[in-house]
Amino acid sequence: PTASRPPRRGRGGRFPPRAAFPMAAEPQFVSLTPEQELVFPLQAHTQVKTSLRLSACAAGTKVAFKIKTTKPSRYYVRPNQGLIDADGSDTVQIYLQEKDCKELLAEAGDGSDASLLTSADRFLVLACAVDSSTFDEISMLPSDRRTEELNRLWDQKKREEREEGRRSKQGTKLGVRFELPEALGSANAAAAAPADVQNRLEGLDTVTGSAAYGSASAEVPGSPESIFTELQTQKKKYDALVNYTVTLTAERDTLTNKIQDLQQENHRLRNRGGAEGDG
């Protein structure tokens, strides 16, 4: 009888690892607000920050999360990892380092670098499911021990994916955009405008050079310039409202977390007191 052909080996005579096979679709454990891009409003002499809201979206599933960035020296993320109860949420504050804010404003000051508005920086939000016992155990730990256990949890998830060839965590990428101060942004927009639009903004007719539109602020209703200005104004009002809402939500989540920490501490003290009384 003909001998059966041995299994095909991979490079170097070894069988390909299980993780080399295609993985199933990535699971979804949290929804993000904003969904695609983090916006940092640049402002001198101000702590520049933005907020990211994470909401558990898998029914009845407790979640662990971790946030990474391609530029860790530029940003301070608080908290950069944590736990979210089933159907709960948490708000992360992301701060831009002051020195980086100054550098970005200085580079954008002459209006020559419009690419500053969209950055190559990226954030990665990881999320995975956590069983109830692990969730409760980690939640009861002090902050330093909690960080150690969370790091151990992520190492475990990485090993599981590598060994079992299946995805057990969600990974969502977010872009970064910097918003220039209103005065600086307006100056840069005017500098980049075509000559005919520039002349109109200055109140000059492109043919005769006479004062056709008055001052730059007296725009003709319905003109492209007035429509653009109105759209920019409405966008700023909307962004301000969103930021205010996110800030209020962050303050609520911070207070909720503090209450939970106090309740857990009270529970530990009661247990300790009961144990000493029994002794």
Protein backbone atom coordinates (compact mmCIF):
# COMPACT_ATOMS: atom_id res chain seq x y z
CA PRO A 1 0.00 0.00 0.00
CA THR A 2 1.09 3.54 -0.75
CA ALA A 3 2.42 5.38 2.31
CA SER A 4 0.38 8.43 3.30
CA ARG A 5 1.99 11.80 2.66
CA PRO A 6 3.24 13.49 5.86
CA PRO A 7 1.56 16.74 6.93
CA ARG A 8 2.87 19.83 5.16
CA ARG A 9 5.34 21.75 7.29
CA GLY A 10 5.81 25.47 7.52
CA ARG A 11 8.96 27.53 7.14
CA GLY A 12 11.95 26.04 8.96
CA GLY A 13 10.38 22.56 9.09
CA ARG A 14 7.86 23.57 11.78
CA PHE A 15 4.12 23.34 11.62
CA PRO A 16 2.46 26.76 11.37
CA PRO A 17 1.20 28.05 14.74
CA ARG A 18 -2.55 28.02 15.32
CA ALA A 19 -2.60 31.82 15.40
CA ALA A 20 -1.48 31.80 11.74
CA PHE A 21 -4.95 30.69 10.68
CA PRO A 22 -7.65 33.30 10.02
CA MET A 23 -9.39 34.55 13.16
CA ALA A 24 -13.08 35.17 13.59
CA ALA A 25 -14.53 38.66 13.45
CA GLU A 26 -13.43 40.98 16.23
CA PRO A 27 -15.86 41.07 19.19
CA GLN A 28 -17.44 44.34 20.31
CA PHE A 29 -17.51 45.08 24.04
CA VAL A 30 -17.57 48.91 24.24
CA SER A 31 -18.90 51.79 22.18
CA LEU A 32 -16.90 55.01 22.06
CA THR A 33 -17.83 58.70 22.10
CA PRO A 34 -16.39 60.18 19.94
CA GLU A 35 -16.29 57.22 17.58
CA GLN A 36 -13.45 58.05 15.18
CA GLU A 37 -11.43 61.11 16.16
CA LEU A 38 -10.20 62.91 19.27
CA VAL A 39 -10.17 66.70 18.98
CA PHE A 40 -7.79 68.84 21.05
CA PRO A 41 -8.59 72.60 21.08
CA LEU A 42 -5.17 74.24 21.25
CA GLN A 43 -4.98 77.22 23.60
CA ALA A 44 -1.99 78.97 25.17
CA HIS A 45 -1.66 79.00 28.96
CA THR A 46 -4.46 76.44 29.32
CA GLN A 47 -4.50 72.75 30.18
CA VAL A 48 -5.56 71.26 26.85
CA LYS A 49 -7.58 68.07 27.18
CA THR A 50 -10.33 66.05 25.58
CA SER A 51 -12.68 63.37 26.86
CA LEU A 52 -13.38 59.84 25.65
CA ARG A 53 -16.48 58.02 26.89
CA LEU A 54 -16.54 54.20 26.93
CA SER A 55 -19.87 52.41 27.32
CA ALA A 56 -20.29 48.65 27.75
CA CYS A 57 -22.39 47.49 24.79
CA ALA A 58 -22.47 43.69 25.18
CA ALA A 59 -25.58 42.90 27.25
CA GLY A 60 -24.76 41.65 30.74
CA THR A 61 -21.00 41.64 30.10
CA LYS A 62 -18.47 43.20 32.46
CA VAL A 63 -15.55 44.75 30.62
CA ALA A 64 -11.88 45.65 31.09
CA PHE A 65 -10.34 48.38 28.93
CA LYS A 66 -6.89 49.72 28.16
CA ILE A 67 -5.81 52.75 26.10
CA LYS A 68 -2.57 53.03 24.14
CA THR A 69 -1.15 55.78 21.93
CA THR A 70 1.54 56.04 19.28
CA LYS A 71 2.91 59.15 21.07
CA PRO A 72 2.98 58.36 24.82
CA SER A 73 5.38 61.24 25.54
CA ARG A 74 2.83 63.76 24.21
CA TYR A 75 -0.30 62.65 26.09
CA TYR A 76 -1.33 61.87 29.65
CA VAL A 77 -4.29 59.47 29.85
CA ARG A 78 -6.29 59.14 33.06
CA PRO A 79 -7.23 56.40 33.65
CA ASN A 80 -5.36 54.50 30.96
CA GLN A 81 -7.04 51.22 31.96
CA GLY A 82 -9.86 50.06 34.17
CA LEU A 83 -13.09 48.11 34.56
CA ILE A 84 -16.63 48.87 33.42
CA ASP A 85 -19.63 47.12 34.95
CA ALA A 86 -22.29 45.53 32.73
CA ASP A 87 -24.30 48.25 30.96
CA GLY A 88 -22.08 50.85 32.67
CA SER A 89 -19.71 53.48 31.33
CA ASP A 90 -16.54 55.38 32.17
CA THR A 91 -15.04 58.64 30.94
CA VAL A 92 -11.33 58.98 30.23
CA GLN A 93 -9.58 62.35 30.28
CA ILE A 94 -6.71 62.74 27.78
CA TYR A 95 -4.33 65.66 28.38
CA LEU A 96 -1.94 67.20 25.86
CA GLN A 97 1.44 68.05 27.40
CA GLU A 98 1.92 71.82 27.74
CA LYS A 99 5.25 71.85 25.91
CA ASP A 100 3.73 70.06 22.92
CA CYS A 101 0.83 72.51 22.86
CA LYS A 102 3.28 75.44 22.76
CA GLU A 103 5.26 73.83 19.93
CA LEU A 104 2.12 73.18 17.86
CA LEU A 105 0.89 76.74 18.33
CA ALA A 106 4.31 78.13 17.40
CA GLU A 107 4.49 76.02 14.23
CA ALA A 108 0.97 77.03 13.22
CA GLY A 109 1.49 80.71 14.00
CA ASP A 110 2.65 81.70 10.53
CA GLY A 111 -0.12 79.73 8.82
CA SER A 112 2.36 77.73 6.77
CA ASP A 113 1.55 74.30 8.16
CA ALA A 114 -2.12 73.48 7.59
CA SER A 115 -1.37 69.77 8.16
CA LEU A 116 -1.20 70.48 11.89
CA LEU A 117 -4.98 70.30 12.07
CA THR A 118 -4.87 66.55 11.32
CA SER A 119 -2.20 64.65 13.22
CA ALA A 120 -0.50 61.33 12.53
CA ASP A 121 -0.95 60.46 16.22
CA ARG A 122 -3.26 57.54 16.92
CA PHE A 123 -4.97 56.01 19.96
CA LEU A 124 -5.89 52.35 20.37
CA VAL A 125 -8.71 51.36 22.73
CA LEU A 126 -8.62 47.71 23.81
CA ALA A 127 -11.55 46.02 25.52
CA CYS A 128 -12.30 42.46 26.66
CA ALA A 129 -14.92 40.56 28.62
CA VAL A 130 -14.27 39.80 32.32
CA ASP A 131 -16.11 37.20 34.36
CA SER A 132 -17.91 38.38 37.50
CA SER A 133 -15.54 36.80 40.02
CA THR A 134 -12.44 38.32 38.37
CA PHE A 135 -14.21 41.67 38.06
CA ASP A 136 -15.14 41.73 41.76
CA GLU A 137 -11.71 40.52 42.84
CA ILE A 138 -9.83 43.20 40.88
CA SER A 139 -12.31 45.93 41.87
CA MET A 140 -11.65 45.30 45.58
CA LEU A 141 -7.88 45.79 45.23
CA PRO A 142 -6.05 49.07 45.99
CA SER A 143 -5.03 51.06 42.91
CA ASP A 144 -1.43 49.76 42.65
CA ARG A 145 -2.47 46.10 42.97
CA ARG A 146 -5.37 46.70 40.60
CA THR A 147 -2.94 47.91 37.92
CA GLU A 148 -0.80 44.78 38.35
CA GLU A 149 -3.80 42.48 38.00
CA LEU A 150 -5.09 44.32 34.96
CA ASN A 151 -1.68 44.04 33.27
CA ARG A 152 -1.70 40.31 34.07
CA LEU A 153 -5.18 40.03 32.58
CA TRP A 154 -4.06 41.61 29.29
CA ASP A 155 -1.02 39.32 29.10
CA GLN A 156 -3.36 36.36 29.55
CA LYS A 157 -5.68 37.56 26.77
CA LYS A 158 -2.70 37.96 24.44
CA ARG A 159 -1.58 34.37 25.14
CA GLU A 160 -5.09 33.03 24.57
CA GLU A 161 -5.34 34.69 21.18
CA ARG A 162 -1.93 33.42 20.15
CA GLU A 163 -2.51 29.84 21.31
CA GLU A 164 -6.17 29.39 20.40
CA GLY A 165 -6.23 31.37 17.19
CA ARG A 166 -9.34 33.36 18.12
CA ARG A 167 -9.97 36.99 18.95
CA SER A 168 -10.92 37.62 22.55
CA LYS A 169 -10.56 41.40 22.65
CA GLN A 170 -11.75 44.47 20.77
CA GLY A 171 -9.29 46.98 19.34
CA THR A 172 -10.56 50.35 18.08
CA LYS A 173 -8.29 53.00 16.56
CA LEU A 174 -8.95 56.72 16.94
CA GLY A 175 -7.40 59.56 14.96
CA VAL A 176 -6.29 62.93 16.38
CA ARG A 177 -7.10 66.45 15.21
CA PHE A 178 -5.88 69.75 16.67
CA GLU A 179 -8.16 72.79 16.64
CA LEU A 180 -6.44 76.15 16.37
CA PRO A 181 -7.63 79.12 18.45
CA GLU A 182 -10.32 81.14 16.63
CA ALA A 183 -8.09 84.16 15.93
CA LEU A 184 -5.20 82.05 14.65
CA GLY A 185 -7.49 79.81 12.61
CA SER A 186 -9.15 82.81 10.96
CA ALA A 187 -5.79 84.36 10.10
CA ASN A 188 -4.56 81.09 8.57
CA ALA A 189 -7.78 80.66 6.56
CA ALA A 190 -7.49 84.17 5.19
CA ALA A 191 -3.84 83.63 4.28
CA ALA A 192 -4.74 80.48 2.36
CA ALA A 193 -7.74 81.99 0.51
CA PRO A 194 -7.60 82.59 -3.27
CA ALA A 195 -6.80 86.14 -4.36
CA ASP A 196 -10.37 87.04 -5.37
CA VAL A 197 -11.84 85.81 -2.08
CA GLN A 198 -9.02 87.49 -0.18
CA ASN A 199 -9.81 90.81 -1.85
CA ARG A 200 -13.48 90.46 -1.01
CA LEU A 201 -12.66 89.80 2.60
CA GLU A 202 -10.63 92.98 2.61
CA GLY A 203 -13.59 94.88 1.12
CA LEU A 204 -12.00 95.49 -2.34
CA ASP A 205 -13.38 94.86 -5.79
CA THR A 206 -11.04 92.61 -7.80
CA VAL A 207 -11.53 94.64 -11.01
CA THR A 208 -11.65 98.30 -9.99
CA GLY A 209 -9.99 98.13 -6.60
CA SER A 210 -12.82 100.22 -5.15
CA ALA A 211 -14.52 99.54 -1.84
CA ALA A 212 -17.26 97.15 -2.98
CA TYR A 213 -18.32 95.34 0.20
CA GLY A 214 -17.30 97.68 3.01
CA SER A 215 -15.37 96.26 5.94
CA ALA A 216 -14.41 92.59 6.17
CA SER A 217 -17.14 91.96 8.75
CA ALA A 218 -19.90 93.35 6.48
CA GLU A 219 -20.39 90.21 4.38
CA VAL A 220 -23.08 90.03 1.70
CA PRO A 221 -25.99 87.81 2.90
CA GLY A 222 -26.08 84.55 0.95
CA SER A 223 -22.52 84.92 -0.32
CA PRO A 224 -20.09 81.97 0.03
CA GLU A 225 -18.18 83.90 2.69
CA SER A 226 -21.25 84.56 4.87
CA ILE A 227 -22.45 80.96 4.54
CA PHE A 228 -19.02 79.67 5.49
CA THR A 229 -18.87 82.01 8.50
CA GLU A 230 -22.33 80.93 9.68
CA LEU A 231 -21.43 77.24 9.35
CA GLN A 232 -18.24 77.76 11.35
CA THR A 233 -20.15 79.61 14.07
CA GLN A 234 -22.78 76.88 14.36
CA LYS A 235 -20.09 74.18 14.44
CA LYS A 236 -18.27 75.91 17.29
CA LYS A 237 -21.52 76.19 19.28
CA TYR A 238 -22.24 72.50 18.71
CA ASP A 239 -18.70 71.46 19.70
CA ALA A 240 -18.92 73.60 22.85
CA LEU A 241 -22.22 71.94 23.80
CA VAL A 242 -20.80 68.46 23.24
CA ASN A 243 -17.70 69.25 25.30
CA TYR A 244 -19.88 70.62 28.12
CA THR A 245 -22.03 67.48 28.09
CA VAL A 246 -18.98 65.21 28.13
CA THR A 247 -17.46 67.22 31.00
CA LEU A 248 -20.63 66.86 33.08
CA THR A 249 -20.72 63.14 32.34
CA ALA A 250 -17.07 62.80 33.35
CA GLU A 251 -17.72 64.56 36.65
CA ARG A 252 -20.67 62.26 37.32
CA ASP A 253 -18.59 59.15 36.56
CA THR A 254 -15.77 60.40 38.80
CA LEU A 255 -18.18 60.89 41.70
CA THR A 256 -19.72 57.46 41.07
CA ASN A 257 -16.28 55.82 41.14
CA LYS A 258 -15.41 57.61 44.38
CA ILE A 259 -18.65 56.40 45.97
CA GLN A 260 -17.91 52.84 44.88
CA ASP A 261 -14.37 53.04 46.30
CA LEU A 262 -15.72 54.32 49.63
CA GLN A 263 -18.31 51.56 49.74
CA GLN A 264 -15.66 48.93 49.07
CA GLU A 265 -13.38 50.40 51.73
CA ASN A 266 -16.28 50.42 54.21
CA HIS A 267 -17.00 46.80 53.34
CA ARG A 268 -13.35 45.79 53.94
CA LEU A 269 -13.27 47.60 57.29
CA ARG A 270 -16.47 45.90 58.41
CA ASN A 271 -15.13 42.48 57.43
CA ARG A 272 -11.86 43.19 59.22
CA GLY A 273 -13.71 44.34 62.34
CA GLY A 274 -15.90 41.26 62.34
CA ALA A 275 -12.88 38.96 61.97
CA GLU A 276 -11.09 40.64 64.90
CA GLY A 277 -14.25 40.39 67.03
CA ASP A 278 -14.53 36.64 66.31
CA GLY A 279 -10.86 36.23 67.26
